[in-house]
Amino acid sequence: MAAVSPPPGDGPPQPVLLIHGVWMPAASLGLLAWRLRRAGFLPRLFSYPSVRRPVAVNARRLIAEVRALGEPLGIVAHSLGGLVALRALHDEPGLPVQRLVLLGTPLRGSALARRMAAFAPGRWLLGHSRDEGLLGDARLPGAPPATGLIAGTRPLGPGRLLPGLRGPSDGTVAVAETAHPLLAARCCLPVTHSGLLLSRAVAAEAIHFLRQGRFDADGPCKICPEA
């Protein structure tokens, strides 16, 4: 699907769906939504049961939400939320999603999740997020809209408690796990996994991508380090 969205101007604000990650409520997106609203967008929070329902089921709910809005929109999705968005685009390629920004989404699967899934308590915590999701078997669209990803490189998080993360990471997801050919652009910022939702710099880069289909060459986002 071609990326055709213009930057917000004098017309009505462009809707942007914000999608949270695993174990997180939609309210975790509040600060990011506020920054998008100040930039001239119309943010909407999409809530879904991240561990009580499989990715495929949550993707169907997202498809229904996008259809109900009935107009072209952008999406900013954190972590597992990015896999839900991509599954929706896999199952329904004609959805009017013009640009997609992923925040710390493990497109190649999560080593931390695989480590957790090796033990019964971990499997219980992950719930249905394991089903074609965090373990590396997610279904991704062949031709998504213009998609950019921002990865974090500040390694503070549960990955320090469980072995499995290798190379630069945000403490939960390794930078190497965010690489994928479907991306039009990828960059890194020194933030943690949860910090991706709080960082002013991340919000600015997401806004730039929603408007231009690329990250700001003069901004703080850097080429991601090699694994």
C-alpha atoms as a PDB file:
ATOM      1  CA  MET A   1       0.000   0.000   0.000  1.00  0.00           C
ATOM      2  CA  ALA A   2       1.487   3.318  -1.002  1.00  0.00           C
ATOM      3  CA  ALA A   3       2.104   5.964   1.647  1.00  0.00           C
ATOM      4  CA  VAL A   4       0.144   9.003   0.493  1.00  0.00           C
ATOM      5  CA  SER A   5      -0.651  10.933   3.662  1.00  0.00           C
ATOM      6  CA  PRO A   6       0.232  14.619   3.674  1.00  0.00           C
ATOM      7  CA  PRO A   7       1.444  16.330   6.804  1.00  0.00           C
ATOM      8  CA  PRO A   8      -1.349  17.783   8.926  1.00  0.00           C
ATOM      9  CA  GLY A   9      -2.168  21.265   7.762  1.00  0.00           C
ATOM     10  CA  ASP A  10      -5.230  23.460   7.730  1.00  0.00           C
ATOM     11  CA  GLY A  11      -7.595  20.518   7.269  1.00  0.00           C
ATOM     12  CA  PRO A  12      -9.032  18.287   9.972  1.00  0.00           C
ATOM     13  CA  PRO A  13      -6.492  16.503  12.183  1.00  0.00           C
ATOM     14  CA  GLN A  14      -5.321  13.130  10.900  1.00  0.00           C
ATOM     15  CA  PRO A  15      -6.385  10.253  13.174  1.00  0.00           C
ATOM     16  CA  VAL A  16      -3.581   8.196  14.701  1.00  0.00           C
ATOM     17  CA  LEU A  17      -4.291   4.972  16.544  1.00  0.00           C
ATOM     18  CA  LEU A  18      -1.971   4.301  19.492  1.00  0.00           C
ATOM     19  CA  ILE A  19      -1.529   0.643  20.471  1.00  0.00           C
ATOM     20  CA  HIS A  20       0.006  -0.457  23.782  1.00  0.00           C
ATOM     21  CA  GLY A  21       2.293  -3.415  24.436  1.00  0.00           C
ATOM     22  CA  VAL A  22       2.007  -6.561  26.525  1.00  0.00           C
ATOM     23  CA  TRP A  23       0.778  -6.203  30.142  1.00  0.00           C
ATOM     24  CA  MET A  24       0.246  -2.458  29.657  1.00  0.00           C
ATOM     25  CA  PRO A  25      -3.004  -0.465  29.762  1.00  0.00           C
ATOM     26  CA  ALA A  26      -4.024   2.015  27.102  1.00  0.00           C
ATOM     27  CA  ALA A  27      -3.406   4.761  29.685  1.00  0.00           C
ATOM     28  CA  SER A  28       0.336   4.130  29.299  1.00  0.00           C
ATOM     29  CA  LEU A  29       0.043   5.935  25.962  1.00  0.00           C
ATOM     30  CA  GLY A  30      -1.353   9.108  27.526  1.00  0.00           C
ATOM     31  CA  LEU A  31       1.763  11.260  27.315  1.00  0.00           C
ATOM     32  CA  LEU A  32       2.486  10.199  23.755  1.00  0.00           C
ATOM     33  CA  ALA A  33      -1.132  10.949  22.820  1.00  0.00           C
ATOM     34  CA  TRP A  34      -0.825  14.427  24.341  1.00  0.00           C
ATOM     35  CA  ARG A  35       2.297  15.147  22.293  1.00  0.00           C
ATOM     36  CA  LEU A  36       0.639  13.940  19.100  1.00  0.00           C
ATOM     37  CA  ARG A  37      -2.396  16.116  19.784  1.00  0.00           C
ATOM     38  CA  ARG A  38      -0.180  19.166  20.271  1.00  0.00           C
ATOM     39  CA  ALA A  39       1.462  18.370  16.929  1.00  0.00           C
ATOM     40  CA  GLY A  40      -1.879  18.535  15.123  1.00  0.00           C
ATOM     41  CA  PHE A  41      -2.954  14.884  15.074  1.00  0.00           C
ATOM     42  CA  LEU A  42      -6.091  13.279  16.480  1.00  0.00           C
ATOM     43  CA  PRO A  43      -4.815  10.402  18.669  1.00  0.00           C
ATOM     44  CA  ARG A  44      -7.081   7.525  19.620  1.00  0.00           C
ATOM     45  CA  LEU A  45      -6.153   4.784  22.076  1.00  0.00           C
ATOM     46  CA  PHE A  46      -6.738   1.179  21.062  1.00  0.00           C
ATOM     47  CA  SER A  47      -7.043  -1.194  24.017  1.00  0.00           C
ATOM     48  CA  TYR A  48      -6.863  -4.969  23.752  1.00  0.00           C
ATOM     49  CA  PRO A  49      -6.344  -7.953  26.112  1.00  0.00           C
ATOM     50  CA  SER A  50      -2.679  -8.569  25.394  1.00  0.00           C
ATOM     51  CA  VAL A  51      -2.339 -11.908  27.201  1.00  0.00           C
ATOM     52  CA  ARG A  52      -5.945 -13.130  27.379  1.00  0.00           C
ATOM     53  CA  ARG A  53      -6.443 -13.259  23.603  1.00  0.00           C
ATOM     54  CA  PRO A  54      -4.115 -14.368  20.773  1.00  0.00           C
ATOM     55  CA  VAL A  55      -2.542 -11.819  18.445  1.00  0.00           C
ATOM     56  CA  ALA A  56      -4.819 -12.954  15.609  1.00  0.00           C
ATOM     57  CA  VAL A  57      -7.962 -12.258  17.665  1.00  0.00           C
ATOM     58  CA  ASN A  58      -6.705  -8.846  18.765  1.00  0.00           C
ATOM     59  CA  ALA A  59      -5.827  -8.084  15.135  1.00  0.00           C
ATOM     60  CA  ARG A  60      -9.444  -8.733  14.139  1.00  0.00           C
ATOM     61  CA  ARG A  61     -10.546  -6.233  16.771  1.00  0.00           C
ATOM     62  CA  LEU A  62      -8.089  -3.716  15.346  1.00  0.00           C
ATOM     63  CA  ILE A  63      -9.385  -4.311  11.818  1.00  0.00           C
ATOM     64  CA  ALA A  64     -12.911  -3.580  13.047  1.00  0.00           C
ATOM     65  CA  GLU A  65     -11.700  -0.407  14.789  1.00  0.00           C
ATOM     66  CA  VAL A  66      -9.954   0.888  11.659  1.00  0.00           C
ATOM     67  CA  ARG A  67     -12.989   0.119   9.515  1.00  0.00           C
ATOM     68  CA  ALA A  68     -15.276   1.888  11.990  1.00  0.00           C
ATOM     69  CA  LEU A  69     -13.194   5.055  11.796  1.00  0.00           C
ATOM     70  CA  GLY A  70     -13.764   5.026   8.039  1.00  0.00           C
ATOM     71  CA  GLU A  71     -10.877   7.263   7.025  1.00  0.00           C
ATOM     72  CA  PRO A  72      -7.128   7.037   6.348  1.00  0.00           C
ATOM     73  CA  LEU A  73      -5.034   7.039   9.500  1.00  0.00           C
ATOM     74  CA  GLY A  74      -1.611   6.415  10.985  1.00  0.00           C
ATOM     75  CA  ILE A  75      -0.640   3.965  13.687  1.00  0.00           C
ATOM     76  CA  VAL A  76       1.978   4.192  16.447  1.00  0.00           C
ATOM     77  CA  ALA A  77       2.395   0.851  18.212  1.00  0.00           C
ATOM     78  CA  HIS A  78       4.575  -0.210  21.125  1.00  0.00           C
ATOM     79  CA  SER A  79       6.187  -3.655  21.358  1.00  0.00           C
ATOM     80  CA  LEU A  80       3.550  -6.416  21.032  1.00  0.00           C
ATOM     81  CA  GLY A  81       1.132  -3.777  19.744  1.00  0.00           C
ATOM     82  CA  GLY A  82       3.249  -3.557  16.617  1.00  0.00           C
ATOM     83  CA  LEU A  83       2.784  -7.288  15.990  1.00  0.00           C
ATOM     84  CA  VAL A  84      -0.978  -6.834  16.405  1.00  0.00           C
ATOM     85  CA  ALA A  85      -0.940  -3.992  13.861  1.00  0.00           C
ATOM     86  CA  LEU A  86       1.161  -5.969  11.394  1.00  0.00           C
ATOM     87  CA  ARG A  87      -1.062  -9.035  11.771  1.00  0.00           C
ATOM     88  CA  ALA A  88      -4.078  -6.851  10.980  1.00  0.00           C
ATOM     89  CA  LEU A  89      -2.336  -5.628   7.821  1.00  0.00           C
ATOM     90  CA  HIS A  90      -1.422  -9.220   6.942  1.00  0.00           C
ATOM     91  CA  ASP A  91      -5.024 -10.369   7.292  1.00  0.00           C
ATOM     92  CA  GLU A  92      -6.574  -7.267   5.692  1.00  0.00           C
ATOM     93  CA  PRO A  93      -4.097  -5.694   3.218  1.00  0.00           C
ATOM     94  CA  GLY A  94      -6.598  -3.032   2.111  1.00  0.00           C
ATOM     95  CA  LEU A  95      -6.864  -1.310   5.495  1.00  0.00           C
ATOM     96  CA  PRO A  96      -6.484   2.482   5.090  1.00  0.00           C
ATOM     97  CA  VAL A  97      -3.333   2.688   7.219  1.00  0.00           C
ATOM     98  CA  GLN A  98      -0.981   5.181   5.607  1.00  0.00           C
ATOM     99  CA  ARG A  99       2.032   5.150   7.905  1.00  0.00           C
ATOM    100  CA  LEU A 100       3.038   2.905  10.751  1.00  0.00           C
ATOM    101  CA  VAL A 101       5.556   3.646  13.512  1.00  0.00           C
ATOM    102  CA  LEU A 102       6.744   0.755  15.665  1.00  0.00           C
ATOM    103  CA  LEU A 103       8.361   1.327  19.054  1.00  0.00           C
ATOM    104  CA  GLY A 104      10.623  -1.502  20.215  1.00  0.00           C
ATOM    105  CA  THR A 105       8.638  -4.204  18.407  1.00  0.00           C
ATOM    106  CA  PRO A 106      10.509  -7.549  18.294  1.00  0.00           C
ATOM    107  CA  LEU A 107       9.876  -8.352  14.638  1.00  0.00           C
ATOM    108  CA  ARG A 108      12.195 -11.353  14.836  1.00  0.00           C
ATOM    109  CA  GLY A 109      10.708 -12.570  18.100  1.00  0.00           C
ATOM    110  CA  SER A 110      11.814 -11.948  21.660  1.00  0.00           C
ATOM    111  CA  ALA A 111      14.617 -13.984  23.240  1.00  0.00           C
ATOM    112  CA  LEU A 112      13.356 -12.846  26.632  1.00  0.00           C
ATOM    113  CA  ALA A 113       9.868 -14.192  25.871  1.00  0.00           C
ATOM    114  CA  ARG A 114      11.309 -17.485  24.658  1.00  0.00           C
ATOM    115  CA  ARG A 115      13.308 -17.749  27.877  1.00  0.00           C
ATOM    116  CA  MET A 116      10.194 -17.042  29.955  1.00  0.00           C
ATOM    117  CA  ALA A 117       8.161 -19.558  27.949  1.00  0.00           C
ATOM    118  CA  ALA A 118      10.554 -22.327  29.005  1.00  0.00           C
ATOM    119  CA  PHE A 119       9.017 -22.238  32.506  1.00  0.00           C
ATOM    120  CA  ALA A 120       5.404 -22.637  33.612  1.00  0.00           C
ATOM    121  CA  PRO A 121       5.190 -19.284  35.463  1.00  0.00           C
ATOM    122  CA  GLY A 122       6.602 -17.516  32.413  1.00  0.00           C
ATOM    123  CA  ARG A 123       4.120 -19.197  30.099  1.00  0.00           C
ATOM    124  CA  TRP A 124       1.325 -18.087  32.412  1.00  0.00           C
ATOM    125  CA  LEU A 125       2.586 -14.495  32.425  1.00  0.00           C
ATOM    126  CA  LEU A 126       2.905 -14.390  28.639  1.00  0.00           C
ATOM    127  CA  GLY A 127      -0.480 -16.007  28.082  1.00  0.00           C
ATOM    128  CA  HIS A 128      -1.703 -15.844  24.493  1.00  0.00           C
ATOM    129  CA  SER A 129       0.897 -13.242  23.504  1.00  0.00           C
ATOM    130  CA  ARG A 130       2.971 -16.341  22.662  1.00  0.00           C
ATOM    131  CA  ASP A 131       0.535 -17.376  19.920  1.00  0.00           C
ATOM    132  CA  GLU A 132       2.050 -16.173  16.632  1.00  0.00           C
ATOM    133  CA  GLY A 133       3.486 -13.255  18.506  1.00  0.00           C
ATOM    134  CA  LEU A 134       6.452 -12.779  20.802  1.00  0.00           C
ATOM    135  CA  LEU A 135       8.129 -16.140  20.183  1.00  0.00           C
ATOM    136  CA  GLY A 136       9.116 -15.286  16.618  1.00  0.00           C
ATOM    137  CA  ASP A 137       6.324 -16.877  14.586  1.00  0.00           C
ATOM    138  CA  ALA A 138       4.308 -13.701  13.960  1.00  0.00           C
ATOM    139  CA  ARG A 139       2.589 -13.322  10.600  1.00  0.00           C
ATOM    140  CA  LEU A 140       3.770 -10.144   8.906  1.00  0.00           C
ATOM    141  CA  PRO A 141       2.414  -8.453   5.764  1.00  0.00           C
ATOM    142  CA  GLY A 142       4.381  -8.744   2.560  1.00  0.00           C
ATOM    143  CA  ALA A 143       3.755  -5.154   1.502  1.00  0.00           C
ATOM    144  CA  PRO A 144       2.904  -2.972   4.508  1.00  0.00           C
ATOM    145  CA  PRO A 145       2.433   0.804   4.375  1.00  0.00           C
ATOM    146  CA  ALA A 146       5.523   2.926   4.981  1.00  0.00           C
ATOM    147  CA  THR A 147       6.790   1.528   8.274  1.00  0.00           C
ATOM    148  CA  GLY A 148       9.456   2.938  10.569  1.00  0.00           C
ATOM    149  CA  LEU A 149      10.802   1.522  13.804  1.00  0.00           C
ATOM    150  CA  ILE A 150      12.461   3.215  16.764  1.00  0.00           C
ATOM    151  CA  ALA A 151      14.547   0.938  18.991  1.00  0.00           C
ATOM    152  CA  GLY A 152      15.936   1.705  22.429  1.00  0.00           C
ATOM    153  CA  THR A 153      19.544   1.196  23.517  1.00  0.00           C
ATOM    154  CA  ARG A 154      19.382   1.805  27.275  1.00  0.00           C
ATOM    155  CA  PRO A 155      19.568  -1.729  28.745  1.00  0.00           C
ATOM    156  CA  LEU A 156      17.494  -1.342  31.905  1.00  0.00           C
ATOM    157  CA  GLY A 157      14.687  -3.849  32.297  1.00  0.00           C
ATOM    158  CA  PRO A 158      13.748  -7.481  32.912  1.00  0.00           C
ATOM    159  CA  GLY A 159      16.378  -8.626  30.456  1.00  0.00           C
ATOM    160  CA  ARG A 160      18.940  -8.001  33.169  1.00  0.00           C
ATOM    161  CA  LEU A 161      17.246 -10.586  35.381  1.00  0.00           C
ATOM    162  CA  LEU A 162      16.825 -13.331  32.777  1.00  0.00           C
ATOM    163  CA  PRO A 163      19.628 -14.323  30.417  1.00  0.00           C
ATOM    164  CA  GLY A 164      18.927 -14.320  26.701  1.00  0.00           C
ATOM    165  CA  LEU A 165      19.421 -10.772  25.461  1.00  0.00           C
ATOM    166  CA  ARG A 166      22.517 -10.342  23.332  1.00  0.00           C
ATOM    167  CA  GLY A 167      24.048  -7.154  22.045  1.00  0.00           C
ATOM    168  CA  PRO A 168      22.545  -3.665  22.435  1.00  0.00           C
ATOM    169  CA  SER A 169      19.033  -3.622  23.871  1.00  0.00           C
ATOM    170  CA  ASP A 170      16.421  -1.527  25.642  1.00  0.00           C
ATOM    171  CA  GLY A 171      16.477  -3.926  28.576  1.00  0.00           C
ATOM    172  CA  THR A 172      13.609  -5.990  27.172  1.00  0.00           C
ATOM    173  CA  VAL A 173      14.081  -6.235  23.403  1.00  0.00           C
ATOM    174  CA  ALA A 174      17.448  -6.547  21.665  1.00  0.00           C
ATOM    175  CA  VAL A 175      18.132  -4.090  18.864  1.00  0.00           C
ATOM    176  CA  ALA A 176      18.852  -7.042  16.557  1.00  0.00           C
ATOM    177  CA  GLU A 177      15.323  -8.358  17.219  1.00  0.00           C
ATOM    178  CA  THR A 178      13.814  -5.188  15.729  1.00  0.00           C
ATOM    179  CA  ALA A 179      15.478  -5.511  12.298  1.00  0.00           C
ATOM    180  CA  HIS A 180      13.387  -6.684   9.346  1.00  0.00           C
ATOM    181  CA  PRO A 181      13.263  -6.129   5.561  1.00  0.00           C
ATOM    182  CA  LEU A 182       9.688  -4.803   5.772  1.00  0.00           C
ATOM    183  CA  LEU A 183      10.921  -1.604   7.426  1.00  0.00           C
ATOM    184  CA  ALA A 184      11.336   1.558   5.377  1.00  0.00           C
ATOM    185  CA  ALA A 185      13.496   3.052   8.155  1.00  0.00           C
ATOM    186  CA  ARG A 186      14.888   2.145  11.560  1.00  0.00           C
ATOM    187  CA  CYS A 187      16.768   4.211  14.105  1.00  0.00           C
ATOM    188  CA  CYS A 188      17.890   4.027  17.731  1.00  0.00           C
ATOM    189  CA  LEU A 189      17.610   6.302  20.745  1.00  0.00           C
ATOM    190  CA  PRO A 190      19.117   5.880  24.255  1.00  0.00           C
ATOM    191  CA  VAL A 191      15.878   4.937  26.017  1.00  0.00           C
ATOM    192  CA  THR A 192      14.505   1.859  27.772  1.00  0.00           C
ATOM    193  CA  HIS A 193      11.629  -0.261  26.505  1.00  0.00           C
ATOM    194  CA  SER A 194       9.026   1.567  28.598  1.00  0.00           C
ATOM    195  CA  GLY A 195      10.892   4.831  28.039  1.00  0.00           C
ATOM    196  CA  LEU A 196       9.941   4.644  24.367  1.00  0.00           C
ATOM    197  CA  LEU A 197       6.495   5.841  25.483  1.00  0.00           C
ATOM    198  CA  LEU A 198       7.781   8.701  27.623  1.00  0.00           C
ATOM    199  CA  SER A 199      10.646  10.172  25.604  1.00  0.00           C
ATOM    200  CA  ARG A 200      10.146  13.553  23.956  1.00  0.00           C
ATOM    201  CA  ALA A 201      12.705  12.595  21.300  1.00  0.00           C
ATOM    202  CA  VAL A 202      10.833   9.394  20.444  1.00  0.00           C
ATOM    203  CA  ALA A 203       7.575  11.325  20.087  1.00  0.00           C
ATOM    204  CA  ALA A 204       9.264  13.886  17.828  1.00  0.00           C
ATOM    205  CA  GLU A 205      10.676  11.178  15.570  1.00  0.00           C
ATOM    206  CA  ALA A 206       7.327   9.380  15.426  1.00  0.00           C
ATOM    207  CA  ILE A 207       5.618  12.637  14.449  1.00  0.00           C
ATOM    208  CA  HIS A 208       8.236  13.272  11.774  1.00  0.00           C
ATOM    209  CA  PHE A 209       7.707   9.811  10.302  1.00  0.00           C
ATOM    210  CA  LEU A 210       3.923  10.164  10.322  1.00  0.00           C
ATOM    211  CA  ARG A 211       4.292  13.394   8.370  1.00  0.00           C
ATOM    212  CA  GLN A 212       7.182  12.597   6.042  1.00  0.00           C
ATOM    213  CA  GLY A 213       7.501   8.814   5.865  1.00  0.00           C
ATOM    214  CA  ARG A 214      11.061   9.022   7.186  1.00  0.00           C
ATOM    215  CA  PHE A 215      12.888   9.928  10.358  1.00  0.00           C
ATOM    216  CA  ASP A 216      14.512  13.322  10.852  1.00  0.00           C
ATOM    217  CA  ALA A 217      18.019  13.218   9.394  1.00  0.00           C
ATOM    218  CA  ASP A 218      18.953  16.161  11.628  1.00  0.00           C
ATOM    219  CA  GLY A 219      17.314  14.731  14.752  1.00  0.00           C
ATOM    220  CA  PRO A 220      18.775  12.706  17.628  1.00  0.00           C
ATOM    221  CA  CYS A 221      17.816   9.296  16.228  1.00  0.00           C
ATOM    222  CA  LYS A 222      20.943   7.388  15.180  1.00  0.00           C
ATOM    223  CA  ILE A 223      21.752   4.418  12.986  1.00  0.00           C
ATOM    224  CA  CYS A 224      21.228   1.329  15.124  1.00  0.00           C
ATOM    225  CA  PRO A 225      24.393  -0.355  16.378  1.00  0.00           C
ATOM    226  CA  GLU A 226      25.417  -3.735  15.047  1.00  0.00           C
ATOM    227  CA  ALA A 227      24.446  -6.685  17.212  1.00  0.00           C
END
